[in-house]
Amino acid sequence: MEAFDFLIYFTFFIKIIFVSSTVYLKYLEHQHKTNQTLSYWKERSEFIFKACLSVILIILFNPRRKTPPVINSETKLLLYLYGFIVILQANWKQFIKDSPLNHKIETSHS
């Protein structure tokens, strides 16, 4: 197994940990309970996932690479999920609050 393949499978494993911990924490939240250790590992697994995907992107799209990157189905799925995570984790409330359009609307209502 090549190092790149190992990185892909490791990233999938981390993603499974992240999703599992997120689902279980949501379940605990509905039960009005918390688990600090699980919350800690959820945050860490999310960070590790993003770091691994960033390394994968660097490897795939290295401008010094002579041959075009070969993207298999596992890599496509990871990149697809990465896009969703980045969009969902964005601070949309702050983005909209700081938007020039929002400032125009606020000043017109004042």
N, C-alpha and C. Protein backbone atom coordinates (compact mmCIF):
# COMPACT_ATOMS: atom_id res chain seq x y z
N MET A 1 0.85 -1.18 0.00
CA MET A 1 0.00 0.00 0.00
C MET A 1 0.89 1.24 0.00
N GLU A 2 0.61 2.13 -0.91
CA GLU A 2 1.37 3.37 -0.98
C GLU A 2 0.98 4.31 0.15
N ALA A 3 1.85 5.26 0.42
CA ALA A 3 1.59 6.23 1.49
C ALA A 3 0.33 7.05 1.19
N PHE A 4 0.12 7.40 -0.07
CA PHE A 4 -1.07 8.17 -0.43
C PHE A 4 -2.34 7.37 -0.16
N ASP A 5 -2.35 6.10 -0.52
CA ASP A 5 -3.51 5.25 -0.25
C ASP A 5 -3.76 5.14 1.25
N PHE A 6 -2.69 4.98 2.01
CA PHE A 6 -2.83 4.92 3.47
C PHE A 6 -3.46 6.21 3.99
N LEU A 7 -3.03 7.35 3.47
CA LEU A 7 -3.58 8.64 3.89
C LEU A 7 -5.07 8.71 3.58
N ILE A 8 -5.48 8.20 2.43
CA ILE A 8 -6.90 8.19 2.07
C ILE A 8 -7.70 7.35 3.06
N TYR A 9 -7.24 6.13 3.34
CA TYR A 9 -7.97 5.25 4.26
C TYR A 9 -7.95 5.79 5.69
N PHE A 10 -6.85 6.36 6.10
CA PHE A 10 -6.76 6.97 7.42
C PHE A 10 -7.76 8.12 7.53
N THR A 11 -7.87 8.91 6.47
CA THR A 11 -8.80 10.04 6.47
C THR A 11 -10.24 9.54 6.55
N PHE A 12 -10.57 8.47 5.84
CA PHE A 12 -11.90 7.87 5.96
C PHE A 12 -12.17 7.42 7.40
N PHE A 13 -11.19 6.78 8.01
CA PHE A 13 -11.33 6.32 9.40
C PHE A 13 -11.60 7.49 10.33
N ILE A 14 -10.86 8.57 10.17
CA ILE A 14 -11.06 9.76 10.99
C ILE A 14 -12.45 10.34 10.75
N LYS A 15 -12.89 10.33 9.50
CA LYS A 15 -14.22 10.85 9.17
C LYS A 15 -15.30 10.03 9.85
N ILE A 16 -15.13 8.74 9.91
CA ILE A 16 -16.10 7.87 10.59
C ILE A 16 -16.15 8.21 12.08
N ILE A 17 -14.99 8.42 12.68
CA ILE A 17 -14.95 8.81 14.10
C ILE A 17 -15.67 10.14 14.29
N PHE A 18 -15.41 11.10 13.41
CA PHE A 18 -16.04 12.41 13.53
C PHE A 18 -17.56 12.31 13.42
N VAL A 19 -18.05 11.62 12.40
CA VAL A 19 -19.50 11.50 12.21
C VAL A 19 -20.14 10.75 13.38
N SER A 20 -19.53 9.67 13.81
CA SER A 20 -20.07 8.90 14.92
C SER A 20 -20.15 9.73 16.20
N SER A 21 -19.10 10.45 16.49
CA SER A 21 -19.11 11.27 17.71
C SER A 21 -20.12 12.41 17.60
N THR A 22 -20.27 12.98 16.41
CA THR A 22 -21.26 14.04 16.22
C THR A 22 -22.67 13.52 16.44
N VAL A 23 -22.98 12.38 15.87
CA VAL A 23 -24.31 11.79 16.02
C VAL A 23 -24.58 11.46 17.49
N TYR A 24 -23.61 10.85 18.15
CA TYR A 24 -23.82 10.47 19.56
C TYR A 24 -23.94 11.70 20.45
N LEU A 25 -23.17 12.75 20.17
CA LEU A 25 -23.29 13.98 20.96
C LEU A 25 -24.66 14.63 20.76
N LYS A 26 -25.20 14.57 19.55
CA LYS A 26 -26.56 15.09 19.30
C LYS A 26 -27.59 14.28 20.09
N TYR A 27 -27.38 12.97 20.14
CA TYR A 27 -28.27 12.11 20.93
C TYR A 27 -28.20 12.50 22.40
N LEU A 28 -26.99 12.68 22.92
CA LEU A 28 -26.84 13.08 24.32
C LEU A 28 -27.45 14.44 24.59
N GLU A 29 -27.34 15.33 23.61
CA GLU A 29 -27.92 16.67 23.75
C GLU A 29 -29.44 16.58 23.92
N HIS A 30 -30.07 15.68 23.18
CA HIS A 30 -31.53 15.50 23.32
C HIS A 30 -31.88 14.87 24.67
N GLN A 31 -30.94 14.15 25.25
CA GLN A 31 -31.15 13.55 26.57
C GLN A 31 -30.75 14.52 27.69
N HIS A 32 -30.35 15.72 27.31
CA HIS A 32 -29.89 16.76 28.24
C HIS A 32 -28.67 16.29 29.04
N LYS A 33 -27.77 15.63 28.34
CA LYS A 33 -26.52 15.15 28.94
C LYS A 33 -25.36 15.68 28.12
N THR A 34 -24.18 15.63 28.70
CA THR A 34 -22.97 16.03 27.98
C THR A 34 -21.87 15.01 28.21
N ASN A 35 -20.89 15.03 27.35
CA ASN A 35 -19.72 14.18 27.49
C ASN A 35 -18.52 14.99 27.00
N GLN A 36 -17.76 15.55 27.93
CA GLN A 36 -16.65 16.43 27.58
C GLN A 36 -15.56 15.69 26.80
N THR A 37 -15.29 14.45 27.17
CA THR A 37 -14.25 13.68 26.49
C THR A 37 -14.63 13.44 25.04
N LEU A 38 -15.87 13.04 24.81
CA LEU A 38 -16.33 12.81 23.44
C LEU A 38 -16.34 14.11 22.63
N SER A 39 -16.74 15.18 23.27
CA SER A 39 -16.73 16.49 22.60
C SER A 39 -15.30 16.88 22.21
N TYR A 40 -14.35 16.62 23.10
CA TYR A 40 -12.94 16.90 22.82
C TYR A 40 -12.47 16.12 21.59
N TRP A 41 -12.79 14.82 21.54
CA TRP A 41 -12.33 13.99 20.43
C TRP A 41 -13.08 14.30 19.14
N LYS A 42 -14.31 14.77 19.24
CA LYS A 42 -15.04 15.20 18.04
C LYS A 42 -14.32 16.39 17.41
N GLU A 43 -13.94 17.36 18.23
CA GLU A 43 -13.23 18.53 17.72
C GLU A 43 -11.88 18.14 17.14
N ARG A 44 -11.17 17.25 17.81
CA ARG A 44 -9.86 16.82 17.32
C ARG A 44 -9.97 16.04 16.03
N SER A 45 -10.96 15.16 15.94
CA SER A 45 -11.12 14.37 14.71
C SER A 45 -11.50 15.28 13.54
N GLU A 46 -12.28 16.31 13.79
CA GLU A 46 -12.61 17.25 12.72
C GLU A 46 -11.35 17.98 12.24
N PHE A 47 -10.52 18.40 13.18
CA PHE A 47 -9.27 19.07 12.82
C PHE A 47 -8.35 18.14 12.03
N ILE A 48 -8.21 16.90 12.49
CA ILE A 48 -7.35 15.93 11.80
C ILE A 48 -7.88 15.66 10.40
N PHE A 49 -9.21 15.54 10.26
CA PHE A 49 -9.82 15.32 8.95
C PHE A 49 -9.48 16.47 8.01
N LYS A 50 -9.66 17.70 8.46
CA LYS A 50 -9.37 18.85 7.62
C LYS A 50 -7.88 18.92 7.27
N ALA A 51 -7.02 18.60 8.22
CA ALA A 51 -5.58 18.61 7.96
C ALA A 51 -5.22 17.54 6.93
N CYS A 52 -5.76 16.34 7.08
CA CYS A 52 -5.47 15.26 6.12
C CYS A 52 -5.97 15.62 4.73
N LEU A 53 -7.17 16.19 4.64
CA LEU A 53 -7.69 16.57 3.33
C LEU A 53 -6.86 17.68 2.72
N SER A 54 -6.36 18.57 3.52
CA SER A 54 -5.50 19.63 3.00
C SER A 54 -4.22 19.04 2.43
N VAL A 55 -3.65 18.06 3.11
CA VAL A 55 -2.45 17.39 2.61
C VAL A 55 -2.76 16.66 1.29
N ILE A 56 -3.91 16.01 1.23
CA ILE A 56 -4.32 15.33 -0.01
C ILE A 56 -4.43 16.33 -1.16
N LEU A 57 -5.03 17.48 -0.90
CA LEU A 57 -5.14 18.51 -1.94
C LEU A 57 -3.77 19.00 -2.38
N ILE A 58 -2.86 19.18 -1.44
CA ILE A 58 -1.50 19.62 -1.78
C ILE A 58 -0.81 18.58 -2.65
N ILE A 59 -0.96 17.31 -2.30
CA ILE A 59 -0.34 16.25 -3.08
C ILE A 59 -0.95 16.18 -4.48
N LEU A 60 -2.27 16.23 -4.56
CA LEU A 60 -2.94 16.09 -5.86
C LEU A 60 -2.66 17.25 -6.79
N PHE A 61 -2.64 18.45 -6.27
CA PHE A 61 -2.57 19.63 -7.13
C PHE A 61 -1.25 20.38 -7.00
N ASN A 62 -0.20 19.64 -6.73
CA ASN A 62 1.14 20.21 -6.67
C ASN A 62 1.49 20.74 -8.07
N PRO A 63 1.81 22.04 -8.18
CA PRO A 63 2.10 22.60 -9.52
C PRO A 63 3.36 22.02 -10.16
N ARG A 64 4.23 21.41 -9.40
CA ARG A 64 5.45 20.81 -9.96
C ARG A 64 5.22 19.39 -10.46
N ARG A 65 4.05 18.88 -10.25
CA ARG A 65 3.71 17.52 -10.69
C ARG A 65 3.67 17.48 -12.21
N LYS A 66 4.33 16.50 -12.80
CA LYS A 66 4.43 16.41 -14.26
C LYS A 66 3.20 15.76 -14.89
N THR A 67 2.58 14.82 -14.19
CA THR A 67 1.40 14.16 -14.73
C THR A 67 0.15 14.68 -14.02
N PRO A 68 -0.96 14.72 -14.70
CA PRO A 68 -2.18 15.18 -14.03
C PRO A 68 -2.59 14.20 -12.92
N PRO A 69 -3.23 14.71 -11.90
CA PRO A 69 -3.59 13.83 -10.78
C PRO A 69 -4.65 12.82 -11.18
N VAL A 70 -4.52 11.61 -10.64
CA VAL A 70 -5.52 10.57 -10.83
C VAL A 70 -6.37 10.56 -9.57
N ILE A 71 -7.65 10.86 -9.74
CA ILE A 71 -8.54 10.95 -8.59
C ILE A 71 -9.50 9.76 -8.65
N ASN A 72 -9.34 8.83 -7.69
CA ASN A 72 -10.19 7.64 -7.66
C ASN A 72 -11.49 7.96 -6.91
N SER A 73 -12.36 6.99 -6.80
CA SER A 73 -13.69 7.22 -6.21
C SER A 73 -13.60 7.58 -4.73
N GLU A 74 -12.65 6.99 -3.99
CA GLU A 74 -12.50 7.32 -2.57
C GLU A 74 -12.08 8.78 -2.39
N THR A 75 -11.14 9.21 -3.22
CA THR A 75 -10.66 10.59 -3.14
C THR A 75 -11.77 11.56 -3.53
N LYS A 76 -12.55 11.22 -4.55
CA LYS A 76 -13.68 12.07 -4.94
C LYS A 76 -14.67 12.23 -3.79
N LEU A 77 -14.98 11.12 -3.14
CA LEU A 77 -15.92 11.17 -2.02
C LEU A 77 -15.38 12.02 -0.88
N LEU A 78 -14.11 11.86 -0.56
CA LEU A 78 -13.51 12.67 0.51
C LEU A 78 -13.54 14.16 0.17
N LEU A 79 -13.20 14.50 -1.05
CA LEU A 79 -13.23 15.90 -1.46
C LEU A 79 -14.64 16.45 -1.44
N TYR A 80 -15.60 15.65 -1.83
CA TYR A 80 -17.01 16.03 -1.80
C TYR A 80 -17.44 16.32 -0.35
N LEU A 81 -17.11 15.41 0.56
CA LEU A 81 -17.45 15.60 1.97
C LEU A 81 -16.73 16.80 2.57
N TYR A 82 -15.50 16.98 2.17
CA TYR A 82 -14.72 18.12 2.66
C TYR A 82 -15.39 19.44 2.28
N GLY A 83 -15.88 19.51 1.07
CA GLY A 83 -16.59 20.71 0.63
C GLY A 83 -17.80 21.00 1.50
N PHE A 84 -18.58 19.97 1.80
CA PHE A 84 -19.74 20.15 2.66
C PHE A 84 -19.35 20.57 4.07
N ILE A 85 -18.31 19.95 4.61
CA ILE A 85 -17.88 20.30 5.98
C ILE A 85 -17.43 21.75 6.04
N VAL A 86 -16.67 22.18 5.07
CA VAL A 86 -16.19 23.57 5.08
C VAL A 86 -17.37 24.53 4.98
N ILE A 87 -18.33 24.23 4.13
CA ILE A 87 -19.50 25.10 4.00
C ILE A 87 -20.33 25.10 5.28
N LEU A 88 -20.56 23.93 5.85
CA LEU A 88 -21.39 23.84 7.05
C LEU A 88 -20.70 24.44 8.28
N GLN A 89 -19.39 24.37 8.34
CA GLN A 89 -18.66 24.88 9.50
C GLN A 89 -18.35 26.37 9.39
N ALA A 90 -18.66 26.97 8.26
CA ALA A 90 -18.40 28.40 8.09
C ALA A 90 -19.26 29.19 9.07
N ASN A 91 -18.75 30.33 9.47
CA ASN A 91 -19.47 31.20 10.40
C ASN A 91 -20.40 32.10 9.59
N TRP A 92 -21.51 31.54 9.14
CA TRP A 92 -22.44 32.24 8.27
C TRP A 92 -23.09 33.43 8.97
N LYS A 93 -23.36 33.27 10.26
CA LYS A 93 -23.99 34.36 11.01
C LYS A 93 -23.10 35.61 10.98
N GLN A 94 -21.81 35.41 11.20
CA GLN A 94 -20.87 36.54 11.18
C GLN A 94 -20.71 37.08 9.77
N PHE A 95 -20.66 36.20 8.78
CA PHE A 95 -20.52 36.61 7.38
C PHE A 95 -21.69 37.50 6.96
N ILE A 96 -22.89 37.07 7.29
CA ILE A 96 -24.08 37.84 6.92
C ILE A 96 -24.14 39.15 7.71
N LYS A 97 -23.76 39.08 8.97
CA LYS A 97 -23.77 40.28 9.81
C LYS A 97 -22.80 41.34 9.27
N ASP A 98 -21.64 40.92 8.77
CA ASP A 98 -20.62 41.84 8.27
C ASP A 98 -20.82 42.20 6.80
N SER A 99 -21.83 41.63 6.16
CA SER A 99 -22.05 41.87 4.74
C SER A 99 -22.42 43.33 4.47
N PRO A 100 -21.85 43.94 3.43
CA PRO A 100 -22.23 45.32 3.08
C PRO A 100 -23.73 45.45 2.79
N LEU A 101 -24.33 44.41 2.19
CA LEU A 101 -25.75 44.44 1.91
C LEU A 101 -26.55 44.52 3.21
N ASN A 102 -26.12 43.78 4.21
CA ASN A 102 -26.79 43.81 5.51
C ASN A 102 -26.68 45.19 6.14
N HIS A 103 -25.52 45.83 6.00
CA HIS A 103 -25.35 47.19 6.55
C HIS A 103 -26.29 48.17 5.86
N LYS A 104 -26.48 48.02 4.54
CA LYS A 104 -27.38 48.90 3.81
C LYS A 104 -28.82 48.72 4.28
N ILE A 105 -29.21 47.45 4.52
CA ILE A 105 -30.56 47.16 4.99
C ILE A 105 -30.78 47.73 6.38
N GLU A 106 -29.79 47.56 7.27
CA GLU A 106 -29.90 48.08 8.63
C GLU A 106 -30.00 49.61 8.64
N THR A 107 -29.21 50.28 7.81
CA THR A 107 -29.26 51.74 7.79
C THR A 107 -30.53 52.26 7.15
N SER A 108 -31.12 51.53 6.23
CA SER A 108 -32.36 51.98 5.61
C SER A 108 -33.55 51.83 6.56
N HIS A 109 -33.44 50.90 7.52
CA HIS A 109 -34.52 50.70 8.49
C HIS A 109 -34.36 51.62 9.70
N SER A 110 -33.27 52.31 9.81
CA SER A 110 -33.04 53.18 10.97
C SER A 110 -33.69 54.53 10.81
